[in-house]
Amino acid sequence: MIILKKTTENFPQINPFDFSVSYVEIDANAPENVYDDHIHDECEIYINLSGDVSFSVEGTIYPIVPGGVIITRPSEYHHCIYHSNKFHKHFWILFNPSGNDKLFNIFFNRKLGRNNLLILPPDETEELFSVCRNLNHPDNDDAEKYYLFFKLIHLLNKASAVNVEKQYKKNTVTTAINYINSNLSQRLEIKEIAKICNVSINTLERQFKHSLNITPARYIKNKRLANAARLLSDGSNVTEAAHLSGFCDTSSFIEFFKKHYHITPLKYKYLHID
């Protein structure tokens, strides 16, 4: 026997992990919608099929068309923005990386709020839709589940990331968000932010509502809470997380946090810290 070519591979151990696949048909007024920016403990894959929507991730606003894919990793601040009540169809996939981060570079090997929007060529987009439909089949055995899930990841690894920074460079909302994100631990006043953007307070609030479906004040509060949650997950104590996120009073911060996450900051830390 003559061996012309031999390849030997050592498969790395994969830690067990959970994932869910949902096909969703929904409109802007459905009570299941989450209108505010939020974070997950899992990685998320959103695949658009139809709808008049865009996506905000860490303040970056991504225009969405059918076939567009949004990826986020744990604690990456995001939400879907509805621009009309047009029916919104999409696949929604959540999975917990569970120590398998090295297998998911497109999620972890990038800055927060960057390269979240992925686009595939038309033929591979159709293949992506087919994989998602098959993943949503309840009778798949374990081998097929693994095959389909990692085929999905393989397709996303081949996708092109869309850079929207230039498109929104002079956008008032993006200017405001960049200022807020850079000064989160400082005192932030809406009138000062409007001045920096060279617009009136009414114009700033109107443009936030149009672009993000949220007021500037609500954005600041939610962003601070999400930042505090991320700091707690990274090991900061409650007081540090509060002050570094712009909350002057720790007691008020704890109340805000409990109302938003339905758990105290200390319990959140113990549940999420590595």
Protein backbone atom coordinates (compact mmCIF):
# COMPACT_ATOMS: atom_id res chain seq x y z
CA MET A 1 0.00 0.00 0.00
CA ILE A 2 1.30 3.43 -0.93
CA ILE A 3 -0.02 6.32 1.15
CA LEU A 4 0.11 9.45 -0.99
CA LYS A 5 -1.22 11.82 1.62
CA LYS A 6 -1.99 11.39 5.29
CA THR A 7 -3.46 13.92 7.69
CA THR A 8 -3.64 13.29 11.42
CA GLU A 9 -5.86 15.47 13.55
CA ASN A 10 -6.34 15.74 17.29
CA PHE A 11 -9.87 16.89 18.08
CA PRO A 12 -9.88 19.16 21.15
CA GLN A 13 -12.22 18.20 23.93
CA ILE A 14 -15.55 20.03 23.70
CA ASN A 15 -17.27 20.90 26.93
CA PRO A 16 -21.00 20.11 26.98
CA PHE A 17 -23.12 23.15 26.19
CA ASP A 18 -26.78 24.03 25.74
CA PHE A 19 -28.30 25.71 22.72
CA SER A 20 -31.80 26.63 21.61
CA VAL A 21 -33.16 27.41 18.15
CA SER A 22 -36.40 29.35 17.64
CA TYR A 23 -38.28 30.41 14.54
CA VAL A 24 -40.12 33.62 15.39
CA GLU A 25 -42.96 35.51 13.69
CA ILE A 26 -43.84 38.67 15.57
CA ASP A 27 -44.88 42.31 15.15
CA ALA A 28 -43.75 45.47 16.91
CA ASN A 29 -46.67 45.46 19.38
CA ALA A 30 -46.21 41.90 20.64
CA PRO A 31 -45.72 41.78 24.43
CA GLU A 32 -42.82 39.30 24.01
CA ASN A 33 -40.63 42.00 22.46
CA VAL A 34 -37.76 43.45 24.50
CA TYR A 35 -37.64 47.14 23.56
CA ASP A 36 -34.76 48.16 25.83
CA ASP A 37 -31.09 47.34 25.47
CA HIS A 38 -30.28 44.14 27.34
CA ILE A 39 -27.64 41.45 27.75
CA HIS A 40 -27.65 37.65 27.82
CA ASP A 41 -25.48 35.10 29.57
CA GLU A 42 -25.28 33.25 26.25
CA CYS A 43 -24.03 33.94 22.74
CA GLU A 44 -26.86 34.97 20.43
CA ILE A 45 -27.35 34.55 16.68
CA TYR A 46 -30.17 36.52 15.05
CA ILE A 47 -30.95 35.74 11.38
CA ASN A 48 -33.43 38.04 9.65
CA LEU A 49 -36.05 36.73 7.23
CA SER A 50 -38.29 39.80 6.97
CA GLY A 51 -39.32 42.96 8.81
CA ASP A 52 -38.60 46.68 9.01
CA VAL A 53 -35.96 46.59 11.76
CA SER A 54 -32.41 47.54 12.64
CA PHE A 55 -30.16 46.44 15.52
CA SER A 56 -28.25 48.38 18.14
CA VAL A 57 -25.21 46.64 19.67
CA GLU A 58 -23.14 48.58 22.23
CA GLY A 59 -24.37 51.79 20.57
CA THR A 60 -23.49 50.76 17.01
CA ILE A 61 -26.59 50.83 14.81
CA TYR A 62 -26.78 48.13 12.15
CA PRO A 63 -29.27 48.29 9.24
CA ILE A 64 -30.91 44.90 8.72
CA VAL A 65 -32.06 43.26 5.47
CA PRO A 66 -33.33 39.69 4.90
CA GLY A 67 -30.40 37.32 5.29
CA GLY A 68 -28.55 39.68 7.62
CA VAL A 69 -27.07 38.04 10.71
CA ILE A 70 -26.39 39.72 14.06
CA ILE A 71 -24.08 37.98 16.54
CA THR A 72 -23.53 38.98 20.17
CA ARG A 73 -21.55 37.41 22.97
CA PRO A 74 -22.38 37.26 26.70
CA SER A 75 -22.83 40.70 28.27
CA GLU A 76 -22.86 42.53 24.92
CA TYR A 77 -25.50 45.24 25.19
CA HIS A 78 -28.06 45.09 22.33
CA HIS A 79 -31.66 45.28 21.17
CA CYS A 80 -33.81 45.08 18.04
CA ILE A 81 -35.34 48.36 16.84
CA TYR A 82 -38.73 48.36 15.09
CA HIS A 83 -39.35 51.06 12.47
CA SER A 84 -42.88 49.94 11.57
CA ASN A 85 -45.37 47.22 12.41
CA LYS A 86 -44.35 45.12 9.40
CA PHE A 87 -44.33 41.42 10.30
CA HIS A 88 -40.93 40.41 11.63
CA LYS A 89 -39.71 36.87 10.88
CA HIS A 90 -36.35 35.57 12.09
CA PHE A 91 -34.38 32.69 13.57
CA TRP A 92 -33.15 33.22 17.11
CA ILE A 93 -30.36 30.99 18.44
CA LEU A 94 -28.84 31.06 21.92
CA PHE A 95 -25.95 28.94 23.12
CA ASN A 96 -23.71 28.90 26.16
CA PRO A 97 -20.04 28.67 25.11
CA SER A 98 -19.21 26.90 28.44
CA GLY A 99 -15.43 27.17 28.12
CA ASN A 100 -15.45 26.48 24.37
CA ASP A 101 -14.59 30.10 23.52
CA LYS A 102 -11.73 29.05 21.22
CA LEU A 103 -14.27 27.45 18.87
CA PHE A 104 -16.21 30.68 18.49
CA ASN A 105 -13.67 33.32 17.47
CA ILE A 106 -16.21 35.38 15.54
CA PHE A 107 -17.96 36.03 18.86
CA PHE A 108 -14.97 36.60 21.11
CA ASN A 109 -12.09 37.78 18.90
CA ARG A 110 -13.42 41.30 18.33
CA LYS A 111 -14.21 44.49 20.23
CA LEU A 112 -17.63 44.98 21.82
CA GLY A 113 -20.08 46.49 19.36
CA ARG A 114 -17.87 45.79 16.33
CA ASN A 115 -18.33 43.28 13.48
CA ASN A 116 -21.74 42.18 14.78
CA LEU A 117 -23.44 42.28 11.37
CA LEU A 118 -22.56 39.42 9.02
CA ILE A 119 -23.57 38.95 5.38
CA LEU A 120 -23.27 35.81 3.23
CA PRO A 121 -23.55 35.38 -0.56
CA PRO A 122 -27.11 34.46 -1.71
CA ASP A 123 -26.42 30.72 -2.14
CA GLU A 124 -24.83 30.42 1.30
CA THR A 125 -27.64 32.50 2.81
CA GLU A 126 -30.13 29.92 1.53
CA GLU A 127 -27.92 27.18 2.98
CA LEU A 128 -27.93 29.05 6.30
CA PHE A 129 -31.75 29.18 6.29
CA SER A 130 -31.88 25.44 5.54
CA VAL A 131 -29.51 24.63 8.42
CA CYS A 132 -31.65 26.67 10.81
CA ARG A 133 -34.85 24.95 9.70
CA ASN A 134 -33.23 21.54 10.18
CA LEU A 135 -31.81 22.53 13.56
CA ASN A 136 -35.33 23.38 14.65
CA HIS A 137 -36.46 19.79 13.95
CA PRO A 138 -37.29 17.97 17.22
CA ASP A 139 -36.26 14.48 16.00
CA ASN A 140 -32.58 15.16 15.32
CA ASP A 141 -30.20 12.72 17.01
CA ASP A 142 -27.09 13.98 18.85
CA ALA A 143 -24.75 13.50 15.88
CA GLU A 144 -27.02 15.50 13.58
CA LYS A 145 -27.44 18.25 16.17
CA TYR A 146 -23.63 18.60 16.44
CA TYR A 147 -23.24 18.48 12.67
CA LEU A 148 -25.88 21.11 11.98
CA PHE A 149 -24.80 23.45 14.78
CA PHE A 150 -21.15 23.48 13.72
CA LYS A 151 -22.16 23.76 10.07
CA LEU A 152 -23.98 26.92 11.11
CA ILE A 153 -20.85 28.21 12.86
CA HIS A 154 -18.75 27.26 9.81
CA LEU A 155 -21.04 29.31 7.54
CA LEU A 156 -20.83 32.31 9.87
CA ASN A 157 -17.03 32.00 9.92
CA LYS A 158 -17.08 32.47 6.14
CA ALA A 159 -19.41 35.49 6.28
CA SER A 160 -18.28 39.07 5.72
CA ALA A 161 -18.54 41.52 8.61
CA VAL A 162 -20.20 44.81 7.63
CA ASN A 163 -18.45 47.96 8.83
CA VAL A 164 -21.08 50.64 9.46
CA GLU A 165 -18.81 53.15 11.24
CA LYS A 166 -18.33 55.36 8.16
CA GLN A 167 -22.03 55.23 7.34
CA TYR A 168 -22.95 56.65 10.76
CA LYS A 169 -19.87 58.80 11.34
CA LYS A 170 -21.82 62.10 11.40
CA ASN A 171 -24.99 60.69 12.92
CA THR A 172 -26.17 62.69 15.96
CA VAL A 173 -27.23 59.57 17.88
CA THR A 174 -23.87 57.87 17.27
CA THR A 175 -22.02 61.00 18.43
CA ALA A 176 -24.10 61.07 21.60
CA ILE A 177 -23.64 57.36 22.23
CA ASN A 178 -19.87 57.57 21.78
CA TYR A 179 -19.76 60.42 24.31
CA ILE A 180 -21.97 58.55 26.78
CA ASN A 181 -19.95 55.34 26.48
CA SER A 182 -16.68 57.23 26.98
CA ASN A 183 -17.93 59.07 30.08
CA LEU A 184 -20.16 56.48 31.71
CA SER A 185 -18.63 56.88 35.17
CA GLN A 186 -19.06 60.67 35.06
CA ARG A 187 -22.09 62.88 35.63
CA LEU A 188 -24.06 62.98 32.38
CA GLU A 189 -26.65 65.65 31.59
CA ILE A 190 -28.90 65.54 28.53
CA LYS A 191 -28.47 69.28 27.87
CA GLU A 192 -24.67 68.89 27.81
CA ILE A 193 -24.89 65.90 25.45
CA ALA A 194 -27.20 67.88 23.15
CA LYS A 195 -24.71 70.76 23.17
CA ILE A 196 -21.86 68.42 22.19
CA CYS A 197 -24.01 67.15 19.31
CA ASN A 198 -24.91 70.72 18.27
CA VAL A 199 -28.65 70.04 18.51
CA SER A 200 -31.47 70.98 20.86
CA ILE A 201 -32.60 68.63 23.62
CA ASN A 202 -35.88 68.03 21.73
CA THR A 203 -33.99 67.13 18.54
CA LEU A 204 -31.67 64.77 20.42
CA GLU A 205 -34.58 63.01 22.11
CA ARG A 206 -36.53 62.77 18.83
CA GLN A 207 -33.54 61.27 17.00
CA PHE A 208 -32.91 58.76 19.83
CA LYS A 209 -36.56 57.72 19.67
CA HIS A 210 -36.39 57.32 15.89
CA SER A 211 -33.06 55.43 15.82
CA LEU A 212 -33.21 53.41 19.04
CA ASN A 213 -36.85 53.63 20.16
CA ILE A 214 -35.59 54.84 23.53
CA THR A 215 -34.90 58.19 25.24
CA PRO A 216 -31.32 59.36 25.94
CA ALA A 217 -31.97 59.20 29.69
CA ARG A 218 -33.25 55.63 29.45
CA TYR A 219 -30.27 54.67 27.28
CA ILE A 220 -27.84 56.04 29.89
CA LYS A 221 -29.54 54.22 32.76
CA ASN A 222 -29.71 50.89 30.91
CA LYS A 223 -26.14 51.23 29.68
CA ARG A 224 -24.94 51.89 33.23
CA LEU A 225 -26.80 48.85 34.54
CA ALA A 226 -25.40 46.63 31.78
CA ASN A 227 -21.89 47.94 32.45
CA ALA A 228 -22.30 47.23 36.17
CA ALA A 229 -23.47 43.68 35.38
CA ARG A 230 -20.40 43.15 33.23
CA LEU A 231 -18.11 44.46 35.97
CA LEU A 232 -19.75 42.18 38.54
CA SER A 233 -19.20 39.20 36.23
CA ASP A 234 -15.53 40.20 35.96
CA GLY A 235 -15.11 40.21 39.75
CA SER A 236 -15.75 43.81 40.86
CA ASN A 237 -17.53 44.27 44.16
CA VAL A 238 -20.94 45.97 44.29
CA THR A 239 -19.60 49.42 45.28
CA GLU A 240 -16.94 49.39 42.56
CA ALA A 241 -19.42 48.28 39.91
CA ALA A 242 -21.84 51.04 40.96
CA HIS A 243 -19.30 53.89 40.98
CA LEU A 244 -17.49 52.83 37.80
CA SER A 245 -20.87 52.75 36.04
CA GLY A 246 -21.87 56.25 37.15
CA PHE A 247 -24.10 55.49 40.14
CA CYS A 248 -23.17 57.84 42.99
CA ASP A 249 -25.34 56.13 45.58
CA THR A 250 -24.84 52.38 46.08
CA SER A 251 -28.21 51.88 47.76
CA SER A 252 -30.04 53.42 44.80
CA PHE A 253 -27.95 51.34 42.43
CA ILE A 254 -28.95 48.13 44.22
CA GLU A 255 -32.64 49.05 43.91
CA PHE A 256 -32.30 49.93 40.21
CA PHE A 257 -30.38 46.70 39.58
CA LYS A 258 -32.97 44.54 41.38
CA LYS A 259 -35.80 46.15 39.43
CA HIS A 260 -34.03 45.63 36.09
CA TYR A 261 -32.51 42.15 36.57
CA HIS A 262 -34.86 40.78 39.27
CA ILE A 263 -31.88 39.82 41.43
CA THR A 264 -29.50 41.68 43.75
CA PRO A 265 -26.09 42.71 42.40
CA LEU A 266 -24.31 40.44 44.88
CA LYS A 267 -26.34 37.37 43.87
CA TYR A 268 -25.80 38.28 40.21
CA LYS A 269 -22.05 38.36 40.81
CA TYR A 270 -21.97 34.94 42.47
CA LEU A 271 -24.09 33.42 39.68
CA HIS A 272 -22.00 34.82 36.83
CA ILE A 273 -18.42 35.14 38.00
CA ASP A 274 -16.07 32.55 36.46
